[in-house]
Amino acid sequence: MDLESRRKTDFNLIIRAVGRKATTFTEILKFTRLPRKTLSLRLKELRERGLIVKNEHTYQLSKTAQRTFSSSPFKRPVFLDADKFKTSVILIILIVAFYTSGYVMALLSSQPPQNTQPEVPILGTFKMNIKVNDVADLKAWSILIDYNESELKVLNVTPGDFWNLQFPWFLSKTDLQPNLLVLAGAIPGEGQGPSGSGTLATIQFGYFLSDWEEPQFLLKWAVLETGWMNSHGNYFDFSSETLTLELVK
């Protein structure tokens, strides 16, 4: 891991450790397990950025940071790297392009081990819609969803009405990482992508417990990220206004 990536990882750890409540340096140190000198430098930079404030012997997120992270649809705040995001979108497109042959997927992930444990009975099901709002020229996209496999199981994923048969490349994977659903879509060839609002996909979950935790968007896992690009090759983050995950009632 290069120095810049290490720095961003440190920032994310500190943000998660601090949260909204006042947290001492020792508590942050125990959570992040960073060297004391490194933690001091990172805290200083986050304070200079206006993301963390210090009050006597405690630290907490600034009001600006609280509004930013609470309004985001993503489960974990992450400092993005534009080059890595570009690479991840291109990777998604390649995965989707070769998905029908299964060749790339075989290279990227080994087959999950066979489950020899008895199947846990599903008590019921529910659906969630992934919706986009007021997007323009949506040429390719990737979305990560975090869910608890001990409580939920992905039963089915279907394209939504926003597609209108315009996204012939579609990917849905649950075996890349536990508790992670990876979705992606792309339009091959030249020309603009669709614009407007609608449902990208509908996910059907089965639940093993009546008191299950609701799935949430995940900003990043490994080289994959939640985001989209247009026909000109420009890359964008989804915001809380442009991307929502809603229970179907």
Protein backbone atom coordinates (compact mmCIF):
# COMPACT_ATOMS: atom_id res chain seq x y z
CA MET A 1 0.00 0.00 0.00
CA ASP A 2 1.43 3.40 -1.00
CA LEU A 3 1.69 6.34 1.40
CA GLU A 4 -1.37 8.15 0.02
CA SER A 5 -3.56 5.05 0.31
CA ARG A 6 -2.27 4.44 3.83
CA ARG A 7 -3.10 8.03 4.73
CA LYS A 8 -6.68 7.72 3.47
CA THR A 9 -7.11 4.44 5.35
CA ASP A 10 -5.90 6.13 8.54
CA PHE A 11 -8.40 8.97 8.05
CA ASN A 12 -11.26 6.50 7.63
CA LEU A 13 -10.30 4.64 10.79
CA ILE A 14 -10.17 7.86 12.79
CA ILE A 15 -13.53 9.10 11.44
CA ARG A 16 -15.15 5.79 12.40
CA ALA A 17 -13.49 5.87 15.84
CA VAL A 18 -14.60 9.40 16.64
CA GLY A 19 -18.20 9.25 15.39
CA ARG A 20 -20.44 11.94 16.83
CA LYS A 21 -19.61 11.63 20.50
CA ALA A 22 -16.63 13.15 22.28
CA THR A 23 -13.75 10.66 22.16
CA THR A 24 -10.38 10.81 23.90
CA PHE A 25 -7.03 10.35 22.21
CA THR A 26 -6.53 7.07 24.09
CA GLU A 27 -9.87 5.70 22.88
CA ILE A 28 -9.04 6.59 19.29
CA LEU A 29 -5.59 5.04 19.72
CA LYS A 30 -7.09 1.75 20.92
CA PHE A 31 -9.61 1.63 18.09
CA THR A 32 -7.25 2.53 15.22
CA ARG A 33 -4.08 0.89 16.61
CA LEU A 34 -2.05 3.57 14.89
CA PRO A 35 1.33 4.71 16.26
CA ARG A 36 0.90 7.68 18.59
CA LYS A 37 2.93 10.00 16.37
CA THR A 38 0.98 8.99 13.26
CA LEU A 39 -2.34 9.46 15.02
CA SER A 40 -1.32 12.91 16.22
CA LEU A 41 -0.38 13.97 12.68
CA ARG A 42 -3.62 12.58 11.20
CA LEU A 43 -5.76 14.28 13.84
CA LYS A 44 -4.00 17.56 13.19
CA GLU A 45 -4.70 17.33 9.46
CA LEU A 46 -8.36 16.39 10.00
CA ARG A 47 -8.71 19.40 12.31
CA GLU A 48 -7.15 21.65 9.67
CA ARG A 49 -9.64 20.28 7.14
CA GLY A 50 -12.47 21.18 9.49
CA LEU A 51 -13.67 17.58 9.86
CA ILE A 52 -12.74 17.09 13.51
CA VAL A 53 -12.80 19.54 16.41
CA LYS A 54 -10.93 19.30 19.69
CA ASN A 55 -12.50 20.31 22.98
CA GLU A 56 -9.99 20.16 25.82
CA HIS A 57 -9.03 16.44 25.90
CA THR A 58 -11.64 15.00 23.52
CA TYR A 59 -12.27 14.92 19.78
CA GLN A 60 -15.49 14.73 17.79
CA LEU A 61 -16.77 15.28 14.27
CA SER A 62 -17.42 18.86 13.32
CA LYS A 63 -20.99 19.89 12.47
CA THR A 64 -20.01 20.03 8.80
CA ALA A 65 -18.67 16.47 8.90
CA GLN A 66 -21.75 15.24 10.78
CA ARG A 67 -24.05 16.71 8.14
CA THR A 68 -21.91 15.24 5.35
CA PHE A 69 -21.80 11.72 6.73
CA SER A 70 -25.36 11.59 8.06
CA SER A 71 -26.79 12.76 4.71
CA SER A 72 -24.80 10.21 2.74
CA PRO A 73 -26.57 7.01 1.63
CA PHE A 74 -23.41 5.04 2.27
CA LYS A 75 -22.70 3.01 5.36
CA ARG A 76 -19.06 4.02 5.84
CA PRO A 77 -17.34 7.34 5.03
CA VAL A 78 -14.32 6.84 2.78
CA PHE A 79 -11.79 9.29 1.33
CA LEU A 80 -11.96 8.62 -2.41
CA ASP A 81 -9.09 8.32 -4.83
CA ALA A 82 -10.16 9.41 -8.33
CA ASP A 83 -7.67 7.16 -10.15
CA LYS A 84 -8.73 4.10 -8.16
CA PHE A 85 -12.37 4.88 -8.80
CA LYS A 86 -11.71 5.13 -12.53
CA THR A 87 -9.94 1.77 -12.42
CA SER A 88 -12.80 0.18 -10.51
CA VAL A 89 -15.42 1.37 -13.01
CA ILE A 90 -13.36 0.08 -15.92
CA LEU A 91 -12.99 -3.23 -14.07
CA ILE A 92 -16.75 -3.41 -13.59
CA ILE A 93 -17.29 -2.85 -17.30
CA LEU A 94 -14.82 -5.60 -18.15
CA ILE A 95 -16.51 -7.94 -15.70
CA VAL A 96 -19.89 -7.22 -17.20
CA ALA A 97 -18.56 -7.53 -20.76
CA PHE A 98 -17.20 -11.01 -20.17
CA TYR A 99 -19.81 -12.15 -17.70
CA THR A 100 -21.67 -14.32 -20.19
CA SER A 101 -18.57 -16.44 -20.73
CA GLY A 102 -17.78 -16.59 -17.02
CA TYR A 103 -14.06 -16.43 -17.83
CA VAL A 104 -13.24 -13.19 -16.01
CA MET A 105 -15.34 -14.12 -13.00
CA ALA A 106 -13.48 -17.42 -12.74
CA LEU A 107 -10.22 -15.51 -12.65
CA LEU A 108 -11.40 -12.95 -10.10
CA SER A 109 -12.96 -15.29 -7.60
CA SER A 110 -12.71 -18.94 -6.74
CA GLN A 111 -15.81 -21.00 -6.22
CA PRO A 112 -17.21 -20.63 -2.70
CA PRO A 113 -16.87 -23.76 -0.54
CA GLN A 114 -19.82 -26.09 -0.48
CA ASN A 115 -22.04 -25.52 2.52
CA THR A 116 -22.36 -28.75 4.46
CA GLN A 117 -24.45 -27.17 7.23
CA PRO A 118 -28.22 -27.64 7.18
CA GLU A 119 -30.14 -24.84 5.47
CA VAL A 120 -31.61 -22.30 7.88
CA PRO A 121 -35.34 -21.91 7.21
CA ILE A 122 -36.43 -18.59 5.69
CA LEU A 123 -39.18 -16.97 7.75
CA GLY A 124 -40.29 -14.52 5.06
CA THR A 125 -39.21 -12.23 2.25
CA PHE A 126 -39.10 -8.55 1.38
CA LYS A 127 -37.96 -6.45 -1.58
CA MET A 128 -35.86 -3.31 -1.92
CA ASN A 129 -35.60 -0.96 -4.90
CA ILE A 130 -32.40 0.76 -5.97
CA LYS A 131 -33.52 4.09 -7.42
CA VAL A 132 -31.66 6.81 -9.31
CA ASN A 133 -32.95 10.36 -9.37
CA ASP A 134 -32.27 13.07 -11.97
CA VAL A 135 -29.20 11.48 -13.56
CA ALA A 136 -28.04 12.36 -17.05
CA ASP A 137 -26.26 10.11 -19.56
CA LEU A 138 -25.88 7.06 -17.29
CA LYS A 139 -23.56 4.84 -19.34
CA ALA A 140 -22.20 2.49 -16.67
CA TRP A 141 -22.62 2.04 -12.93
CA SER A 142 -21.56 -0.14 -10.03
CA ILE A 143 -23.28 -0.44 -6.65
CA LEU A 144 -22.16 -2.24 -3.49
CA ILE A 145 -24.69 -3.26 -0.82
CA ASP A 146 -23.77 -4.36 2.68
CA TYR A 147 -26.10 -6.89 4.37
CA ASN A 148 -25.86 -9.42 7.20
CA GLU A 149 -25.72 -12.97 5.82
CA SER A 150 -26.57 -14.42 9.23
CA GLU A 151 -29.91 -12.59 9.02
CA LEU A 152 -30.60 -12.24 5.28
CA LYS A 153 -30.17 -14.07 2.00
CA VAL A 154 -30.27 -12.57 -1.50
CA LEU A 155 -32.93 -14.58 -3.33
CA ASN A 156 -33.27 -12.66 -6.58
CA VAL A 157 -32.11 -9.49 -8.36
CA THR A 158 -34.05 -8.11 -11.33
CA PRO A 159 -33.52 -5.02 -13.52
CA GLY A 160 -35.83 -2.08 -12.84
CA ASP A 161 -37.94 0.11 -15.11
CA PHE A 162 -35.13 2.65 -15.62
CA TRP A 163 -33.32 0.15 -17.80
CA ASN A 164 -36.02 -0.09 -20.46
CA LEU A 165 -33.84 -2.73 -22.19
CA GLN A 166 -31.03 -0.19 -22.56
CA PHE A 167 -28.54 -1.98 -20.25
CA PRO A 168 -27.80 -5.35 -21.89
CA TRP A 169 -24.79 -5.91 -19.61
CA PHE A 170 -25.80 -6.64 -16.05
CA LEU A 171 -23.90 -8.20 -13.14
CA SER A 172 -25.13 -9.45 -9.76
CA LYS A 173 -22.65 -11.22 -7.46
CA THR A 174 -22.85 -12.32 -3.83
CA ASP A 175 -19.82 -14.65 -3.67
CA LEU A 176 -16.97 -12.13 -3.94
CA GLN A 177 -17.06 -11.29 -0.24
CA PRO A 178 -19.29 -12.28 2.72
CA ASN A 179 -22.09 -9.82 3.47
CA LEU A 180 -21.59 -8.04 0.13
CA LEU A 181 -23.83 -7.77 -2.94
CA VAL A 182 -22.15 -6.33 -6.05
CA LEU A 183 -24.34 -4.96 -8.84
CA ALA A 184 -23.23 -3.36 -12.09
CA GLY A 185 -24.61 -2.35 -15.45
CA ALA A 186 -23.21 -0.94 -18.68
CA ILE A 187 -24.29 -0.02 -22.19
CA PRO A 188 -21.88 -1.17 -24.92
CA GLY A 189 -20.94 0.90 -27.94
CA GLU A 190 -21.18 4.62 -28.58
CA GLY A 191 -24.01 6.98 -27.78
CA GLN A 192 -25.40 8.47 -24.61
CA GLY A 193 -26.89 6.56 -21.74
CA PRO A 194 -30.43 7.14 -20.44
CA SER A 195 -31.33 10.18 -18.33
CA GLY A 196 -33.99 10.83 -15.72
CA SER A 197 -35.23 8.90 -12.70
CA GLY A 198 -36.36 5.35 -12.05
CA THR A 199 -35.52 1.97 -10.56
CA LEU A 200 -32.15 0.44 -11.46
CA ALA A 201 -32.83 -2.91 -9.83
CA THR A 202 -35.09 -4.71 -7.36
CA ILE A 203 -33.57 -7.08 -4.79
CA GLN A 204 -35.56 -9.79 -3.06
CA PHE A 205 -34.23 -10.83 0.34
CA GLY A 206 -35.22 -13.71 2.54
CA TYR A 207 -34.86 -13.29 6.31
CA PHE A 208 -33.93 -15.87 8.94
CA LEU A 209 -34.73 -13.61 11.90
CA SER A 210 -37.73 -11.36 12.41
CA ASP A 211 -35.50 -8.58 13.79
CA TRP A 212 -33.17 -8.12 10.81
CA GLU A 213 -30.89 -5.18 10.06
CA GLU A 214 -31.75 -3.24 6.92
CA PRO A 215 -29.17 -3.47 4.09
CA GLN A 216 -27.25 -0.30 3.24
CA PHE A 217 -25.07 1.05 0.47
CA LEU A 218 -21.35 0.48 0.86
CA LEU A 219 -19.03 3.05 -0.66
CA LYS A 220 -16.04 0.84 -1.34
CA TRP A 221 -14.72 -2.71 -1.14
CA ALA A 222 -11.24 -3.63 -2.46
CA VAL A 223 -10.99 -2.08 -5.95
CA LEU A 224 -14.76 -1.83 -6.39
CA GLU A 225 -16.75 1.28 -5.54
CA THR A 226 -20.27 2.63 -5.75
CA GLY A 227 -20.43 5.17 -8.57
CA TRP A 228 -21.17 5.76 -12.24
CA MET A 229 -19.81 7.20 -15.47
CA ASN A 230 -21.26 8.91 -18.54
CA SER A 231 -20.62 8.34 -22.25
CA HIS A 232 -17.73 10.82 -22.20
CA GLY A 233 -15.81 8.75 -19.66
CA ASN A 234 -16.43 11.16 -16.78
CA TYR A 235 -16.73 9.55 -13.33
CA PHE A 236 -19.11 10.55 -10.56
CA ASP A 237 -20.04 9.61 -7.02
CA PHE A 238 -23.66 8.84 -6.25
CA SER A 239 -25.08 11.26 -3.67
CA SER A 240 -27.96 10.82 -1.26
CA GLU A 241 -30.09 12.76 -3.75
CA THR A 242 -29.20 10.66 -6.80
CA LEU A 243 -29.21 7.16 -5.26
CA THR A 244 -31.62 5.60 -2.76
CA LEU A 245 -32.33 2.12 -1.41
CA GLU A 246 -36.01 1.78 -0.48
CA LEU A 247 -38.19 -0.95 0.98
CA VAL A 248 -41.03 -2.00 -1.31
CA LYS A 249 -44.30 -1.66 0.57
